[in-house]
Amino acid sequence: MNASVPSYIVDTAAKQMNYIVDYMNTQTSKYTSACVTAARDIVCKGLLPQCSSDFRILSFLSTSKSCQSINSCPTGLFTAIGRTSAALCSLSGKQYSLTTCVNPAITNINSVHCHALPNITVPSWIVPVLKAQGNAINAQRLAYSLVGVEQSCTSQWTNFLCRSLVSCNHDQNRIISFGWSKEECTSSLKCLPAILKTSTEDQFDCNIFPSKSDSAGLSSHFSLIAATWLLAVWISE
């Protein structure tokens, strides 16, 4: 992959992307190479939308072929990374404005586990991401139950996904990212059992979250159209 993607995604998800792809590359003994290749294509293109050259349009690359073939593959590969193929495939080929803030048109991310969304506007491309985030909560809770994570710890991680919101500021020229504090992140990593702790630490950098003592508050700010040139080998055309 050789493209620009929103800086918000690079700053908050780069470490997790590295883990996901590395994990998938080690699963060829459990799944066919065709399934792993299709899953990697779906995850990478679904989590890394590309900016147009003028930074006005955001595009999710097509995964139609991979999404067709993934239907014959076991679902465990996606469960292990807290994603669903259906949610990511729903983004295939779609385009969104990078310069427009909209009402999210949903009342909450996950009606069972999350509180109602506050009265906010969000970048238009975030709307499908929020919907996928709701599915990710269910997938994560299922994965945690299968390995015996304590309920209190599962609740901490569910709370994180529910609170991980992105909104536009009042002037609609910047993105405000909400979520954890550095201290909450560290605490939630500690409560995980050994079977999950190392792999989760490989995905989460607690240093990207502001400290509770930060006078600026528990949020991070990004330019609405800021993009970072990303050089990666995750996606092969």
Protein backbone atom coordinates (compact mmCIF):
# COMPACT_ATOMS: atom_id res chain seq x y z
CA MET A 1 0.00 0.00 0.00
CA ASN A 2 1.27 3.44 -0.94
CA ALA A 3 -1.35 6.03 -0.13
CA SER A 4 -2.46 8.77 2.24
CA VAL A 5 -4.95 7.96 4.99
CA PRO A 6 -6.50 10.18 7.70
CA SER A 7 -3.94 11.08 10.36
CA TYR A 8 -6.45 10.12 13.04
CA ILE A 9 -6.38 6.51 11.84
CA VAL A 10 -2.60 6.34 11.59
CA ASP A 11 -2.07 7.85 15.03
CA THR A 12 -4.61 5.65 16.80
CA ALA A 13 -4.61 2.35 14.91
CA ALA A 14 -1.17 1.78 13.36
CA LYS A 15 0.06 -0.50 16.16
CA GLN A 16 -3.15 -2.51 16.07
CA MET A 17 -2.91 -2.91 12.29
CA ASN A 18 0.61 -4.29 12.60
CA TYR A 19 -0.60 -6.83 15.14
CA ILE A 20 -3.64 -7.90 13.12
CA VAL A 21 -1.65 -8.53 9.95
CA ASP A 22 1.13 -10.33 11.82
CA TYR A 23 -1.48 -12.47 13.56
CA MET A 24 -3.19 -13.41 10.32
CA ASN A 25 0.10 -14.33 8.70
CA THR A 26 0.67 -16.91 11.46
CA GLN A 27 -2.69 -18.63 10.99
CA THR A 28 -1.97 -20.55 7.77
CA SER A 29 -1.66 -23.77 9.78
CA LYS A 30 -5.24 -23.40 11.06
CA TYR A 31 -6.87 -21.84 8.00
CA THR A 32 -6.26 -22.19 4.29
CA SER A 33 -3.96 -19.64 2.68
CA ALA A 34 -6.91 -18.48 0.56
CA CYS A 35 -8.93 -17.70 3.69
CA VAL A 36 -6.04 -15.85 5.34
CA THR A 37 -5.37 -13.83 2.18
CA ALA A 38 -9.04 -12.88 1.84
CA ALA A 39 -9.32 -11.97 5.54
CA ARG A 40 -6.18 -9.83 5.41
CA ASP A 41 -7.48 -8.00 2.34
CA ILE A 42 -10.83 -7.31 4.01
CA VAL A 43 -9.30 -6.09 7.27
CA CYS A 44 -6.64 -3.88 5.72
CA LYS A 45 -8.91 -2.20 3.22
CA GLY A 46 -11.75 -1.93 5.71
CA LEU A 47 -9.61 -0.28 8.39
CA LEU A 48 -7.43 1.89 6.13
CA PRO A 49 -9.55 4.04 3.79
CA GLN A 50 -7.57 6.21 1.38
CA CYS A 51 -7.67 9.96 0.81
CA SER A 52 -8.00 11.44 -2.66
CA SER A 53 -5.12 13.53 -4.01
CA ASP A 54 -6.96 16.75 -3.11
CA PHE A 55 -7.87 15.42 0.37
CA ARG A 56 -11.58 15.91 -0.18
CA ILE A 57 -12.80 12.32 -0.71
CA LEU A 58 -12.19 9.22 1.39
CA SER A 59 -12.48 5.85 -0.35
CA PHE A 60 -12.72 2.33 0.99
CA LEU A 61 -11.07 0.09 -1.60
CA SER A 62 -13.13 -2.73 -3.09
CA THR A 63 -13.03 -6.08 -1.33
CA SER A 64 -15.87 -7.68 -3.30
CA LYS A 65 -13.88 -10.74 -4.41
CA SER A 66 -12.47 -11.36 -0.95
CA CYS A 67 -15.89 -10.86 0.65
CA GLN A 68 -17.39 -13.47 -1.66
CA SER A 69 -14.71 -16.04 -0.88
CA ILE A 70 -14.68 -15.39 2.87
CA ASN A 71 -18.19 -16.83 3.17
CA SER A 72 -16.73 -20.33 2.83
CA CYS A 73 -14.12 -19.73 5.56
CA PRO A 74 -14.46 -20.36 9.33
CA THR A 75 -15.45 -17.30 11.36
CA GLY A 76 -12.83 -17.83 14.06
CA LEU A 77 -10.19 -15.80 12.25
CA PHE A 78 -12.22 -12.61 12.67
CA THR A 79 -13.47 -13.42 16.18
CA ALA A 80 -9.89 -13.56 17.41
CA ILE A 81 -9.26 -9.95 16.35
CA GLY A 82 -12.60 -8.58 17.52
CA ARG A 83 -13.94 -7.83 14.05
CA THR A 84 -16.70 -9.13 11.81
CA SER A 85 -16.27 -9.71 8.10
CA ALA A 86 -19.84 -8.53 7.42
CA ALA A 87 -19.22 -5.10 8.95
CA LEU A 88 -15.96 -4.59 7.08
CA CYS A 89 -17.36 -5.90 3.79
CA SER A 90 -20.22 -3.40 4.02
CA LEU A 91 -17.64 -0.63 3.51
CA SER A 92 -16.30 -2.07 0.25
CA GLY A 93 -16.05 0.51 -2.54
CA LYS A 94 -17.83 3.28 -0.64
CA GLN A 95 -16.75 6.93 -0.75
CA TYR A 96 -17.28 9.75 1.73
CA SER A 97 -16.54 13.44 1.96
CA LEU A 98 -13.49 14.31 4.02
CA THR A 99 -14.66 17.88 4.54
CA THR A 100 -18.24 17.35 5.71
CA CYS A 101 -19.57 16.88 9.23
CA VAL A 102 -22.97 15.22 9.61
CA ASN A 103 -25.40 14.00 12.22
CA PRO A 104 -24.49 10.32 12.80
CA ALA A 105 -28.15 9.30 12.42
CA ILE A 106 -27.77 6.57 15.03
CA THR A 107 -28.76 6.86 18.67
CA ASN A 108 -25.96 4.72 20.05
CA ILE A 109 -23.07 2.53 18.96
CA ASN A 110 -24.47 -0.62 20.58
CA SER A 111 -27.98 -0.54 22.03
CA VAL A 112 -27.30 -3.32 24.54
CA HIS A 113 -23.97 -2.25 25.99
CA CYS A 114 -23.53 1.49 25.31
CA HIS A 115 -25.27 4.67 26.43
CA ALA A 116 -26.97 6.96 23.94
CA LEU A 117 -24.67 9.11 21.82
CA PRO A 118 -24.33 12.76 22.85
CA ASN A 119 -25.58 15.49 20.55
CA ILE A 120 -22.59 15.64 18.17
CA THR A 121 -21.71 15.87 14.52
CA VAL A 122 -19.10 13.55 13.05
CA PRO A 123 -17.01 13.37 9.86
CA SER A 124 -19.22 11.66 7.27
CA TRP A 125 -16.78 8.78 6.85
CA ILE A 126 -16.95 7.98 10.57
CA VAL A 127 -20.65 6.97 10.41
CA PRO A 128 -20.06 3.47 8.97
CA VAL A 129 -17.06 3.08 11.28
CA LEU A 130 -19.32 3.71 14.30
CA LYS A 131 -21.72 1.03 13.08
CA ALA A 132 -18.86 -1.43 12.65
CA GLN A 133 -17.66 -0.48 16.14
CA GLY A 134 -20.96 -1.66 17.57
CA ASN A 135 -20.48 -5.05 15.95
CA ALA A 136 -16.90 -5.15 17.25
CA ILE A 137 -18.22 -4.84 20.81
CA ASN A 138 -20.29 -8.00 20.40
CA ALA A 139 -17.38 -9.85 18.78
CA GLN A 140 -14.99 -8.81 21.55
CA ARG A 141 -17.36 -9.84 24.32
CA LEU A 142 -17.82 -13.25 22.68
CA ALA A 143 -14.07 -13.74 22.32
CA TYR A 144 -13.50 -12.76 25.95
CA SER A 145 -16.18 -15.14 27.21
CA LEU A 146 -14.57 -18.03 25.33
CA VAL A 147 -11.27 -17.59 27.19
CA GLY A 148 -12.76 -16.83 30.60
CA VAL A 149 -12.05 -13.12 31.02
CA GLU A 150 -13.57 -11.83 34.25
CA GLN A 151 -16.80 -9.89 33.82
CA SER A 152 -15.36 -6.75 35.43
CA CYS A 153 -12.48 -6.76 32.96
CA THR A 154 -14.78 -7.37 30.00
CA SER A 155 -16.86 -4.41 31.17
CA GLN A 156 -13.79 -2.16 31.17
CA TRP A 157 -13.03 -3.03 27.55
CA THR A 158 -16.66 -2.69 26.51
CA ASN A 159 -16.71 0.73 28.15
CA PHE A 160 -13.64 1.68 26.14
CA LEU A 161 -15.25 0.77 22.81
CA CYS A 162 -18.46 2.56 23.79
CA ARG A 163 -16.54 5.73 24.68
CA SER A 164 -14.18 5.69 21.70
CA LEU A 165 -15.95 8.42 19.79
CA VAL A 166 -14.87 10.91 17.17
CA SER A 167 -16.74 14.17 16.68
CA CYS A 168 -16.30 17.43 14.83
CA ASN A 169 -15.57 20.56 16.83
CA HIS A 170 -17.94 23.53 16.89
CA ASP A 171 -16.32 25.14 13.84
CA GLN A 172 -16.33 21.80 11.98
CA ASN A 173 -12.68 22.07 11.00
CA ARG A 174 -11.14 19.66 13.50
CA ILE A 175 -11.73 16.14 14.81
CA ILE A 176 -11.98 15.55 18.55
CA SER A 177 -11.20 12.00 19.61
CA PHE A 178 -12.52 10.74 22.96
CA GLY A 179 -11.73 7.54 24.79
CA TRP A 180 -9.59 6.38 27.65
CA SER A 181 -7.06 8.02 29.84
CA LYS A 182 -3.56 6.56 29.88
CA GLU A 183 -4.24 5.27 33.39
CA GLU A 184 -7.47 3.50 32.39
CA CYS A 185 -5.69 1.86 29.47
CA THR A 186 -2.91 0.56 31.72
CA SER A 187 -5.40 -0.76 34.28
CA SER A 188 -7.45 -2.58 31.65
CA LEU A 189 -4.39 -4.29 30.23
CA LYS A 190 -3.45 -5.56 33.69
CA CYS A 191 -6.81 -7.25 34.26
CA LEU A 192 -6.54 -9.49 31.20
CA PRO A 193 -5.48 -13.13 31.60
CA ALA A 194 -2.08 -14.14 30.27
CA ILE A 195 -3.61 -15.73 27.17
CA LEU A 196 -4.77 -12.27 26.03
CA LYS A 197 -2.51 -9.82 27.80
CA THR A 198 0.54 -10.10 25.56
CA SER A 199 -1.41 -9.97 22.30
CA THR A 200 -3.45 -6.99 23.51
CA GLU A 201 -0.33 -5.13 24.64
CA ASP A 202 0.99 -5.67 21.12
CA GLN A 203 -2.06 -3.80 19.80
CA PHE A 204 -2.49 -0.97 22.30
CA ASP A 205 -0.10 1.83 23.04
CA CYS A 206 -1.38 3.46 26.22
CA ASN A 207 0.88 6.44 25.56
CA ILE A 208 -1.41 7.67 22.77
CA PHE A 209 -4.08 8.46 25.37
CA PRO A 210 -3.94 11.65 27.47
CA SER A 211 -3.22 11.42 31.17
CA LYS A 212 -5.96 12.14 33.71
CA SER A 213 -3.78 14.98 34.96
CA ASP A 214 -3.71 16.63 31.53
CA SER A 215 -5.30 20.05 31.91
CA ALA A 216 -6.48 19.90 28.28
CA GLY A 217 -8.92 17.13 29.15
CA LEU A 218 -9.27 13.55 28.00
CA SER A 219 -9.45 14.18 24.27
CA SER A 220 -7.14 14.41 21.29
CA HIS A 221 -7.48 16.81 18.38
CA PHE A 222 -6.79 16.30 14.66
CA SER A 223 -7.35 18.46 11.62
CA LEU A 224 -10.54 17.39 9.84
CA ILE A 225 -8.70 16.76 6.56
CA ALA A 226 -5.22 15.97 7.88
CA ALA A 227 -3.71 12.94 6.16
CA THR A 228 -0.53 10.95 6.55
CA TRP A 229 1.33 9.31 3.68
CA LEU A 230 1.41 5.63 4.54
CA LEU A 231 3.91 3.20 3.08
CA ALA A 232 2.94 -0.36 3.92
CA VAL A 233 2.91 -3.84 2.48
CA TRP A 234 -0.37 -4.86 4.08
CA ILE A 235 -2.34 -4.58 0.85
CA SER A 236 -1.29 -6.13 -2.42
CA GLU A 237 -3.24 -4.98 -5.44
